[in-house]
Protein backbone atom coordinates (compact mmCIF):
# COMPACT_ATOMS: atom_id res chain seq x y z
CA MET A 1 79.04 87.67 98.83
CA PRO A 2 78.27 85.47 95.82
CA ASP A 3 80.87 84.19 93.40
CA TYR A 4 81.84 86.47 90.54
CA SER A 5 83.72 85.04 87.62
CA PRO A 6 84.77 87.45 84.89
CA LEU A 7 86.02 84.47 82.94
CA LEU A 8 82.54 83.04 82.33
CA ILE A 9 81.28 84.16 78.94
CA GLU A 10 77.72 82.99 79.61
CA ASN A 11 77.53 85.05 82.78
CA PRO A 12 79.93 88.01 82.54
CA GLN A 13 78.92 89.41 85.92
CA TYR A 14 81.75 91.19 87.68
CA SER A 15 82.35 91.76 91.34
CA PRO A 16 81.62 95.33 92.44
CA PHE A 17 85.30 95.49 93.42
CA TYR A 18 86.70 94.16 90.12
CA GLY A 19 89.63 96.22 88.86
CA ILE A 20 89.37 99.05 91.38
CA ASP A 21 93.04 99.90 91.76
CA SER A 22 92.43 102.32 94.62
CA ILE A 23 91.66 99.38 96.94
CA LYS A 24 94.90 98.77 98.83
CA LYS A 25 93.70 97.05 102.00
CA VAL A 26 90.89 94.57 102.63
CA ILE A 27 89.60 93.68 106.07
CA ILE A 28 87.10 90.84 106.12
CA GLU A 29 84.98 90.92 109.26
CA GLU A 30 84.54 88.04 111.70
CA GLY A 31 81.62 85.83 110.68
CA ILE A 32 82.31 85.89 106.94
CA THR A 33 83.00 82.34 105.77
CA LYS A 34 83.81 82.71 102.09
CA VAL A 35 85.51 85.08 99.66
CA GLY A 36 83.87 84.30 96.32
CA ASN A 37 85.44 83.62 92.96
CA GLY A 38 86.95 86.71 91.36
CA THR A 39 85.90 89.04 94.17
CA PHE A 40 89.00 91.25 94.15
CA CYS A 41 90.41 90.49 90.66
CA PHE A 42 92.76 93.13 89.31
CA CYS A 43 92.78 95.31 92.41
CA ASP A 44 96.05 96.71 93.78
CA ILE A 45 95.61 95.13 97.21
CA ILE A 46 98.78 94.92 99.29
CA ASP A 47 97.23 93.97 102.65
CA VAL A 48 94.47 91.44 103.39
CA GLN A 49 93.18 90.61 106.86
CA LEU A 50 91.07 87.45 107.07
CA PRO A 51 89.33 86.22 110.21
CA SER A 52 89.47 82.62 111.38
CA THR A 53 85.87 82.17 110.19
CA VAL A 54 86.92 82.28 106.51
CA THR A 55 87.05 78.66 105.40
CA GLU A 56 86.94 79.09 101.64
CA ILE A 57 88.64 81.42 99.18
CA GLY A 58 87.29 81.12 95.66
CA GLU A 59 89.21 80.73 92.45
CA ASP A 60 90.94 83.92 91.33
CA ALA A 61 89.59 85.81 94.37
CA PHE A 62 92.77 87.88 94.48
CA GLN A 63 94.01 87.39 90.89
CA SER A 64 96.57 89.95 89.73
CA CYS A 65 96.75 91.73 93.07
CA GLU A 66 100.08 93.28 94.00
CA GLN A 67 100.92 90.70 96.69
């Protein structure tokens, strides 16, 4: 998934998950290597499962999540 940065004025493209407070749990499948910038900003996630293949978590990927 590409980076999404809601903080960039020149490119105000949001993640498709941005601000969806019904998302409580995220399971990233094996083989994914990166969680992009701002991917889950302002979601109410309380549980995240990341595989060992994730080597990079972008800036503000989980900003303002519950935990």
